[in-house]
Amino acid sequence: MQRSPIDPRVQVGHVHLKVSDLDRAIAFYQDVLGFEVTQRWGSSAAFLSAGSYHHHIGLNTWQSRGGSPPPAGHTGLFHAAFLYPDRPSLGNALKRLTQAGIPLEGASDHGVSEALYLTDPDGNGLELYRDRAPEEWPRLADGRLAMHSHPLDLQALLSEAAA
């Protein structure tokens, strides 16, 4: 069987997370990260978006109301990643996290991107990141990517946040 690559126009449309407390999850994604609720289904589900898209994040308690995060060492989602359009907007995200007292679990410069890592109130891993332009990506002599993981200068990132 010959394999053909996926259509390059395919994108991740949204992530849908099981949460234990819908109001707490909405407060985090809306008040801390800044997503807007586009629709709510009573006390069981909510859909949030950045901008006018129908939803980038779905939250539900259908199978998880009052539940606990999966223990370490089990399979599941490592993290959901949210792509910010530029460095100032990622700086704004860091500012919001700092003001809300949300701790980072990591912050990395990968050469191709800059990323902030954290966990939501239900233990779901999140990456907030911005991509560099492809012409800025580090490459080996033969043209292959040379991604890395260096510490991200958080103070410099914060200095680029919009006033």
N, C-alpha and C. Protein backbone atom coordinates (compact mmCIF):
# COMPACT_ATOMS: atom_id res chain seq x y z
N MET A 1 0.84 -1.17 0.00
CA MET A 1 0.00 0.00 0.00
C MET A 1 0.89 1.24 0.00
N GLN A 2 0.65 2.10 -0.97
CA GLN A 2 1.43 3.34 -1.05
C GLN A 2 0.79 4.39 -0.15
N ARG A 3 1.60 5.02 0.68
CA ARG A 3 1.10 6.06 1.56
C ARG A 3 1.22 7.41 0.87
N SER A 4 0.18 8.20 1.02
CA SER A 4 0.24 9.56 0.51
C SER A 4 0.06 10.51 1.69
N PRO A 5 0.72 11.65 1.64
CA PRO A 5 0.61 12.58 2.78
C PRO A 5 -0.79 13.19 2.88
N ILE A 6 -1.12 13.59 4.07
CA ILE A 6 -2.39 14.27 4.33
C ILE A 6 -2.40 15.60 3.58
N ASP A 7 -3.56 16.05 3.21
CA ASP A 7 -3.71 17.34 2.55
C ASP A 7 -3.09 18.42 3.44
N PRO A 8 -2.17 19.22 2.95
CA PRO A 8 -1.48 20.20 3.80
C PRO A 8 -2.38 21.31 4.32
N ARG A 9 -3.60 21.40 3.84
CA ARG A 9 -4.53 22.42 4.35
C ARG A 9 -5.26 21.98 5.61
N VAL A 10 -5.10 20.70 6.01
CA VAL A 10 -5.76 20.20 7.21
C VAL A 10 -5.18 20.93 8.43
N GLN A 11 -6.05 21.30 9.37
CA GLN A 11 -5.65 21.98 10.60
C GLN A 11 -6.34 21.33 11.78
N VAL A 12 -5.79 21.51 12.95
CA VAL A 12 -6.50 21.11 14.16
C VAL A 12 -7.55 22.17 14.40
N GLY A 13 -8.81 21.78 14.42
CA GLY A 13 -9.90 22.74 14.54
C GLY A 13 -10.21 23.14 15.97
N HIS A 14 -10.21 22.16 16.88
CA HIS A 14 -10.47 22.47 18.28
C HIS A 14 -10.03 21.31 19.15
N VAL A 15 -9.96 21.59 20.43
CA VAL A 15 -9.68 20.56 21.42
C VAL A 15 -10.88 20.52 22.35
N HIS A 16 -11.29 19.32 22.72
CA HIS A 16 -12.45 19.15 23.61
C HIS A 16 -11.95 18.42 24.86
N LEU A 17 -12.06 19.06 26.00
CA LEU A 17 -11.51 18.54 27.24
C LEU A 17 -12.59 18.11 28.22
N LYS A 18 -12.34 16.98 28.89
CA LYS A 18 -13.18 16.57 30.01
C LYS A 18 -12.70 17.32 31.24
N VAL A 19 -13.63 17.96 31.94
CA VAL A 19 -13.29 18.72 33.14
C VAL A 19 -14.17 18.27 34.30
N SER A 20 -13.72 18.53 35.51
CA SER A 20 -14.50 18.11 36.67
C SER A 20 -15.47 19.18 37.15
N ASP A 21 -15.16 20.45 36.89
CA ASP A 21 -15.98 21.56 37.36
C ASP A 21 -16.08 22.57 36.21
N LEU A 22 -17.23 22.63 35.57
CA LEU A 22 -17.38 23.47 34.38
C LEU A 22 -17.16 24.95 34.68
N ASP A 23 -17.73 25.45 35.76
CA ASP A 23 -17.56 26.88 36.07
C ASP A 23 -16.10 27.22 36.33
N ARG A 24 -15.39 26.36 37.03
CA ARG A 24 -13.96 26.60 37.29
C ARG A 24 -13.17 26.58 35.98
N ALA A 25 -13.48 25.66 35.10
CA ALA A 25 -12.78 25.57 33.82
C ALA A 25 -13.07 26.80 32.96
N ILE A 26 -14.33 27.21 32.92
CA ILE A 26 -14.68 28.42 32.15
C ILE A 26 -13.93 29.62 32.71
N ALA A 27 -13.89 29.75 34.03
CA ALA A 27 -13.18 30.88 34.64
C ALA A 27 -11.72 30.91 34.21
N PHE A 28 -11.08 29.76 34.16
CA PHE A 28 -9.68 29.70 33.74
C PHE A 28 -9.53 30.09 32.27
N TYR A 29 -10.26 29.42 31.40
CA TYR A 29 -10.08 29.67 29.96
C TYR A 29 -10.59 31.05 29.53
N GLN A 30 -11.60 31.56 30.21
CA GLN A 30 -12.14 32.88 29.86
C GLN A 30 -11.41 34.00 30.59
N ASP A 31 -11.34 33.91 31.90
CA ASP A 31 -10.80 35.02 32.69
C ASP A 31 -9.28 35.09 32.68
N VAL A 32 -8.62 33.94 32.68
CA VAL A 32 -7.16 33.94 32.70
C VAL A 32 -6.59 34.00 31.28
N LEU A 33 -7.01 33.08 30.40
CA LEU A 33 -6.45 33.05 29.05
C LEU A 33 -7.12 34.01 28.09
N GLY A 34 -8.38 34.39 28.35
CA GLY A 34 -9.04 35.38 27.51
C GLY A 34 -9.94 34.86 26.41
N PHE A 35 -10.17 33.54 26.34
CA PHE A 35 -11.11 33.01 25.35
C PHE A 35 -12.52 33.48 25.69
N GLU A 36 -13.38 33.55 24.70
CA GLU A 36 -14.76 33.98 24.90
C GLU A 36 -15.71 32.79 24.78
N VAL A 37 -16.71 32.74 25.66
CA VAL A 37 -17.72 31.69 25.58
C VAL A 37 -18.63 31.98 24.40
N THR A 38 -18.73 31.02 23.48
CA THR A 38 -19.62 31.19 22.32
C THR A 38 -20.95 30.50 22.54
N GLN A 39 -20.94 29.46 23.36
CA GLN A 39 -22.18 28.76 23.68
C GLN A 39 -21.97 27.95 24.96
N ARG A 40 -23.03 27.84 25.73
CA ARG A 40 -22.99 27.03 26.94
C ARG A 40 -24.21 26.12 26.95
N TRP A 41 -24.00 24.86 27.29
CA TRP A 41 -25.08 23.90 27.43
C TRP A 41 -25.29 23.63 28.92
N GLY A 42 -26.01 24.52 29.57
CA GLY A 42 -26.33 24.36 30.99
C GLY A 42 -25.09 24.16 31.83
N SER A 43 -25.13 23.16 32.69
CA SER A 43 -24.00 22.89 33.57
C SER A 43 -23.14 21.74 33.07
N SER A 44 -23.34 21.35 31.79
CA SER A 44 -22.60 20.18 31.30
C SER A 44 -21.54 20.48 30.25
N ALA A 45 -21.64 21.58 29.52
CA ALA A 45 -20.65 21.84 28.47
C ALA A 45 -20.61 23.32 28.12
N ALA A 46 -19.47 23.73 27.60
CA ALA A 46 -19.29 25.10 27.12
C ALA A 46 -18.30 25.07 25.97
N PHE A 47 -18.44 26.05 25.09
CA PHE A 47 -17.59 26.17 23.92
C PHE A 47 -17.01 27.58 23.91
N LEU A 48 -15.69 27.67 23.73
CA LEU A 48 -14.99 28.95 23.80
C LEU A 48 -14.16 29.17 22.56
N SER A 49 -13.95 30.45 22.24
CA SER A 49 -13.25 30.79 21.00
C SER A 49 -12.36 32.00 21.18
N ALA A 50 -11.36 32.08 20.34
CA ALA A 50 -10.57 33.30 20.16
C ALA A 50 -11.10 33.92 18.87
N GLY A 51 -11.78 35.04 18.97
CA GLY A 51 -12.35 35.66 17.78
C GLY A 51 -13.70 35.10 17.43
N SER A 52 -14.02 35.11 16.15
CA SER A 52 -15.37 34.77 15.71
C SER A 52 -15.57 33.31 15.31
N TYR A 53 -14.58 32.45 15.51
CA TYR A 53 -14.72 31.03 15.18
C TYR A 53 -15.73 30.40 16.14
N HIS A 54 -16.44 29.35 15.70
CA HIS A 54 -17.47 28.75 16.57
C HIS A 54 -16.91 28.23 17.87
N HIS A 55 -15.76 27.54 17.85
CA HIS A 55 -15.08 27.19 19.10
C HIS A 55 -13.70 26.60 18.81
N HIS A 56 -12.77 26.97 19.66
CA HIS A 56 -11.43 26.39 19.66
C HIS A 56 -11.29 25.40 20.81
N ILE A 57 -12.10 25.61 21.85
CA ILE A 57 -12.06 24.75 23.03
C ILE A 57 -13.47 24.32 23.39
N GLY A 58 -13.66 23.04 23.59
CA GLY A 58 -14.88 22.51 24.16
C GLY A 58 -14.55 22.01 25.56
N LEU A 59 -15.42 22.26 26.49
CA LEU A 59 -15.27 21.78 27.87
C LEU A 59 -16.53 21.02 28.23
N ASN A 60 -16.38 19.83 28.82
CA ASN A 60 -17.60 19.13 29.24
C ASN A 60 -17.36 18.33 30.50
N THR A 61 -18.48 18.06 31.19
CA THR A 61 -18.46 17.23 32.41
C THR A 61 -19.27 15.95 32.19
N TRP A 62 -19.51 15.58 30.94
CA TRP A 62 -20.37 14.44 30.62
C TRP A 62 -19.90 13.16 31.30
N GLN A 63 -18.61 12.93 31.35
CA GLN A 63 -18.07 11.71 31.97
C GLN A 63 -17.11 12.02 33.10
N SER A 64 -17.03 13.29 33.50
CA SER A 64 -15.94 13.66 34.40
C SER A 64 -16.35 14.58 35.55
N ARG A 65 -17.63 14.89 35.71
CA ARG A 65 -18.04 15.81 36.79
C ARG A 65 -17.52 15.30 38.13
N GLY A 66 -16.79 16.18 38.84
CA GLY A 66 -16.24 15.82 40.15
C GLY A 66 -15.05 14.88 40.09
N GLY A 67 -14.59 14.56 38.90
CA GLY A 67 -13.49 13.60 38.74
C GLY A 67 -12.14 14.20 39.08
N SER A 68 -11.13 13.36 39.03
CA SER A 68 -9.76 13.79 39.31
C SER A 68 -8.93 13.60 38.05
N PRO A 69 -7.81 14.34 37.95
CA PRO A 69 -6.94 14.17 36.79
C PRO A 69 -6.37 12.76 36.74
N PRO A 70 -6.02 12.28 35.54
CA PRO A 70 -5.40 10.95 35.47
C PRO A 70 -4.05 10.97 36.18
N PRO A 71 -3.69 9.88 36.82
CA PRO A 71 -2.41 9.85 37.52
C PRO A 71 -1.23 9.89 36.55
N ALA A 72 -0.10 10.36 37.03
CA ALA A 72 1.12 10.38 36.22
C ALA A 72 1.44 8.96 35.75
N GLY A 73 2.03 8.85 34.60
CA GLY A 73 2.42 7.55 34.08
C GLY A 73 1.34 6.86 33.27
N HIS A 74 0.21 7.53 33.04
CA HIS A 74 -0.86 6.96 32.24
C HIS A 74 -0.93 7.66 30.88
N THR A 75 -1.55 7.02 29.94
CA THR A 75 -1.69 7.61 28.62
C THR A 75 -2.75 8.69 28.64
N GLY A 76 -2.75 9.50 27.62
CA GLY A 76 -3.71 10.59 27.48
C GLY A 76 -3.06 11.76 26.77
N LEU A 77 -3.75 12.83 26.73
CA LEU A 77 -3.27 14.04 26.07
C LEU A 77 -2.06 14.60 26.82
N PHE A 78 -0.95 14.84 26.12
CA PHE A 78 0.21 15.45 26.76
C PHE A 78 -0.04 16.93 26.97
N HIS A 79 -0.43 17.62 25.89
CA HIS A 79 -0.87 19.00 26.01
C HIS A 79 -1.62 19.43 24.76
N ALA A 80 -2.43 20.45 24.94
CA ALA A 80 -3.06 21.13 23.81
C ALA A 80 -2.26 22.40 23.60
N ALA A 81 -2.01 22.75 22.36
CA ALA A 81 -1.18 23.92 22.06
C ALA A 81 -2.02 24.99 21.38
N PHE A 82 -1.87 26.22 21.86
CA PHE A 82 -2.58 27.36 21.29
C PHE A 82 -1.56 28.30 20.65
N LEU A 83 -1.72 28.50 19.35
CA LEU A 83 -0.79 29.31 18.56
C LEU A 83 -1.20 30.77 18.61
N TYR A 84 -0.30 31.61 19.13
CA TYR A 84 -0.51 33.05 19.18
C TYR A 84 0.10 33.68 17.92
N PRO A 85 -0.48 34.78 17.43
CA PRO A 85 -0.05 35.32 16.14
C PRO A 85 1.33 35.98 16.13
N ASP A 86 1.80 36.45 17.30
CA ASP A 86 3.08 37.15 17.31
C ASP A 86 3.62 37.21 18.73
N ARG A 87 4.82 37.74 18.86
CA ARG A 87 5.49 37.80 20.16
C ARG A 87 4.77 38.72 21.16
N PRO A 88 4.29 39.90 20.75
CA PRO A 88 3.56 40.73 21.72
C PRO A 88 2.32 40.03 22.29
N SER A 89 1.59 39.27 21.46
CA SER A 89 0.40 38.58 21.98
C SER A 89 0.79 37.46 22.93
N LEU A 90 1.92 36.79 22.67
CA LEU A 90 2.40 35.77 23.61
C LEU A 90 2.86 36.45 24.90
N GLY A 91 3.46 37.61 24.78
CA GLY A 91 3.83 38.39 25.96
C GLY A 91 2.61 38.76 26.78
N ASN A 92 1.53 39.12 26.10
CA ASN A 92 0.27 39.43 26.81
C ASN A 92 -0.25 38.20 27.54
N ALA A 93 -0.14 37.03 26.92
CA ALA A 93 -0.58 35.80 27.59
C ALA A 93 0.23 35.56 28.85
N LEU A 94 1.55 35.77 28.77
CA LEU A 94 2.40 35.61 29.95
C LEU A 94 2.01 36.61 31.03
N LYS A 95 1.71 37.82 30.63
CA LYS A 95 1.29 38.85 31.59
C LYS A 95 0.00 38.43 32.30
N ARG A 96 -0.97 37.90 31.55
CA ARG A 96 -2.24 37.44 32.14
C ARG A 96 -1.99 36.32 33.13
N LEU A 97 -1.13 35.36 32.76
CA LEU A 97 -0.82 34.24 33.65
C LEU A 97 -0.17 34.74 34.94
N THR A 98 0.77 35.66 34.78
CA THR A 98 1.48 36.22 35.94
C THR A 98 0.51 36.94 36.86
N GLN A 99 -0.35 37.77 36.28
CA GLN A 99 -1.32 38.52 37.09
C GLN A 99 -2.30 37.61 37.80
N ALA A 100 -2.62 36.46 37.20
CA ALA A 100 -3.56 35.51 37.81
C ALA A 100 -2.87 34.55 38.78
N GLY A 101 -1.55 34.64 38.88
CA GLY A 101 -0.81 33.75 39.77
C GLY A 101 -0.73 32.32 39.28
N ILE A 102 -0.84 32.12 37.98
CA ILE A 102 -0.76 30.77 37.40
C ILE A 102 0.70 30.44 37.16
N PRO A 103 1.22 29.39 37.77
CA PRO A 103 2.63 29.06 37.60
C PRO A 103 2.90 28.40 36.24
N LEU A 104 4.06 28.68 35.70
CA LEU A 104 4.51 28.00 34.49
C LEU A 104 5.22 26.72 34.89
N GLU A 105 5.09 25.71 34.06
CA GLU A 105 5.85 24.48 34.26
C GLU A 105 7.10 24.48 33.41
N GLY A 106 7.15 25.40 32.45
CA GLY A 106 8.31 25.52 31.60
C GLY A 106 8.13 26.67 30.64
N ALA A 107 9.25 27.09 30.04
CA ALA A 107 9.24 28.15 29.03
C ALA A 107 10.45 27.91 28.16
N SER A 108 10.23 27.66 26.87
CA SER A 108 11.32 27.25 26.00
C SER A 108 11.36 28.02 24.70
N ASP A 109 12.58 28.23 24.24
CA ASP A 109 12.84 28.73 22.89
C ASP A 109 13.27 27.51 22.09
N HIS A 110 12.46 27.12 21.11
CA HIS A 110 12.74 25.93 20.31
C HIS A 110 13.38 26.26 18.96
N GLY A 111 13.75 27.51 18.78
CA GLY A 111 14.32 27.92 17.50
C GLY A 111 13.24 28.22 16.48
N VAL A 112 12.31 27.32 16.30
CA VAL A 112 11.19 27.52 15.37
C VAL A 112 10.02 28.22 16.05
N SER A 113 10.03 28.20 17.40
CA SER A 113 8.93 28.76 18.17
C SER A 113 9.40 29.12 19.56
N GLU A 114 8.56 29.88 20.26
CA GLU A 114 8.76 30.18 21.68
C GLU A 114 7.50 29.72 22.39
N ALA A 115 7.68 29.03 23.53
CA ALA A 115 6.53 28.37 24.16
C ALA A 115 6.51 28.52 25.67
N LEU A 116 5.29 28.66 26.19
CA LEU A 116 5.02 28.65 27.62
C LEU A 116 4.24 27.38 27.93
N TYR A 117 4.61 26.69 28.99
CA TYR A 117 3.94 25.45 29.36
C TYR A 117 3.31 25.59 30.74
N LEU A 118 2.07 25.12 30.86
CA LEU A 118 1.34 25.20 32.12
C LEU A 118 0.29 24.11 32.17
N THR A 119 -0.40 24.04 33.29
CA THR A 119 -1.46 23.05 33.47
C THR A 119 -2.74 23.79 33.85
N ASP A 120 -3.86 23.36 33.28
CA ASP A 120 -5.14 23.98 33.65
C ASP A 120 -5.63 23.39 34.97
N PRO A 121 -6.73 23.91 35.52
CA PRO A 121 -7.19 23.43 36.84
C PRO A 121 -7.53 21.94 36.90
N ASP A 122 -7.73 21.29 35.74
CA ASP A 122 -8.05 19.87 35.72
C ASP A 122 -6.84 19.00 35.40
N GLY A 123 -5.66 19.61 35.36
CA GLY A 123 -4.45 18.84 35.10
C GLY A 123 -4.14 18.64 33.64
N ASN A 124 -4.87 19.31 32.75
CA ASN A 124 -4.59 19.21 31.32
C ASN A 124 -3.39 20.09 30.98
N GLY A 125 -2.41 19.52 30.28
CA GLY A 125 -1.24 20.28 29.87
C GLY A 125 -1.59 21.24 28.76
N LEU A 126 -1.04 22.45 28.84
CA LEU A 126 -1.25 23.47 27.81
C LEU A 126 0.08 24.04 27.36
N GLU A 127 0.17 24.34 26.09
CA GLU A 127 1.29 25.07 25.52
C GLU A 127 0.73 26.32 24.86
N LEU A 128 1.23 27.47 25.23
CA LEU A 128 0.90 28.74 24.58
C LEU A 128 2.16 29.12 23.83
N TYR A 129 2.08 29.29 22.51
CA TYR A 129 3.31 29.51 21.76
C TYR A 129 3.09 30.42 20.57
N ARG A 130 4.21 30.88 20.04
CA ARG A 130 4.19 31.63 18.78
C ARG A 130 5.27 31.03 17.89
N ASP A 131 5.00 30.95 16.61
CA ASP A 131 5.97 30.45 15.64
C ASP A 131 6.82 31.60 15.13
N ARG A 132 8.07 31.30 14.85
CA ARG A 132 8.92 32.23 14.12
C ARG A 132 8.64 32.03 12.63
N ALA A 133 8.99 33.01 11.84
CA ALA A 133 8.86 32.90 10.38
C ALA A 133 9.80 31.79 9.91
N PRO A 134 9.38 30.98 8.92
CA PRO A 134 10.22 29.86 8.45
C PRO A 134 11.64 30.27 8.06
N GLU A 135 11.82 31.48 7.55
CA GLU A 135 13.17 31.90 7.18
C GLU A 135 14.08 32.14 8.40
N GLU A 136 13.49 32.18 9.61
CA GLU A 136 14.26 32.35 10.84
C GLU A 136 14.57 31.01 11.52
N TRP A 137 14.01 29.93 11.02
CA TRP A 137 14.21 28.64 11.67
C TRP A 137 15.66 28.19 11.57
N PRO A 138 16.20 27.63 12.65
CA PRO A 138 17.58 27.13 12.59
C PRO A 138 17.63 25.87 11.72
N ARG A 139 18.66 25.81 10.90
CA ARG A 139 18.80 24.68 9.98
C ARG A 139 20.22 24.16 10.00
N LEU A 140 20.34 22.87 9.73
CA LEU A 140 21.64 22.24 9.56
C LEU A 140 22.17 22.59 8.17
N ALA A 141 23.42 22.27 7.93
CA ALA A 141 24.04 22.58 6.63
C ALA A 141 23.28 21.95 5.47
N ASP A 142 22.66 20.79 5.71
CA ASP A 142 21.92 20.11 4.63
C ASP A 142 20.47 20.60 4.49
N GLY A 143 20.07 21.61 5.30
CA GLY A 143 18.74 22.19 5.19
C GLY A 143 17.71 21.64 6.14
N ARG A 144 18.03 20.54 6.84
CA ARG A 144 17.08 19.98 7.80
C ARG A 144 16.94 20.89 9.01
N LEU A 145 15.77 20.84 9.64
CA LEU A 145 15.54 21.64 10.84
C LEU A 145 16.51 21.26 11.95
N ALA A 146 16.90 22.26 12.73
CA ALA A 146 17.77 22.05 13.88
C ALA A 146 17.09 22.62 15.12
N MET A 147 15.91 22.09 15.41
CA MET A 147 15.16 22.56 16.58
C MET A 147 15.96 22.27 17.84
N HIS A 148 15.70 23.05 18.88
CA HIS A 148 16.38 22.88 20.15
C HIS A 148 15.41 23.26 21.26
N SER A 149 15.88 23.17 22.47
CA SER A 149 15.06 23.56 23.62
C SER A 149 15.95 24.32 24.59
N HIS A 150 15.96 25.65 24.44
CA HIS A 150 16.72 26.54 25.30
C HIS A 150 15.75 27.29 26.20
N PRO A 151 16.22 27.77 27.35
CA PRO A 151 15.35 28.56 28.22
C PRO A 151 14.86 29.82 27.49
N LEU A 152 13.61 30.17 27.73
CA LEU A 152 13.02 31.37 27.14
C LEU A 152 13.20 32.53 28.11
N ASP A 153 13.63 33.66 27.60
CA ASP A 153 13.82 34.86 28.41
C ASP A 153 12.44 35.47 28.68
N LEU A 154 11.89 35.18 29.85
CA LEU A 154 10.54 35.63 30.19
C LEU A 154 10.45 37.14 30.37
N GLN A 155 11.49 37.76 30.92
CA GLN A 155 11.46 39.21 31.09
C GLN A 155 11.43 39.91 29.74
N ALA A 156 12.21 39.42 28.79
CA ALA A 156 12.19 40.01 27.45
C ALA A 156 10.83 39.82 26.80
N LEU A 157 10.23 38.65 27.00
CA LEU A 157 8.89 38.40 26.44
C LEU A 157 7.86 39.33 27.07
N LEU A 158 7.92 39.49 28.39
CA LEU A 158 7.00 40.40 29.08
C LEU A 158 7.16 41.84 28.61
N SER A 159 8.39 42.23 28.28
CA SER A 159 8.64 43.60 27.83
C SER A 159 7.99 43.89 26.49
N GLU A 160 7.65 42.85 25.74
CA GLU A 160 7.00 43.03 24.44
C GLU A 160 5.48 42.98 24.52
N ALA A 161 4.95 42.70 25.72
CA ALA A 161 3.49 42.70 25.89
C ALA A 161 2.95 44.10 25.63
N ALA A 162 1.81 44.17 24.99
CA ALA A 162 1.18 45.46 24.72
C ALA A 162 0.80 46.13 26.04
N ALA A 163 0.89 47.43 26.08
CA ALA A 163 0.59 48.16 27.31
C ALA A 163 -0.88 48.06 27.66
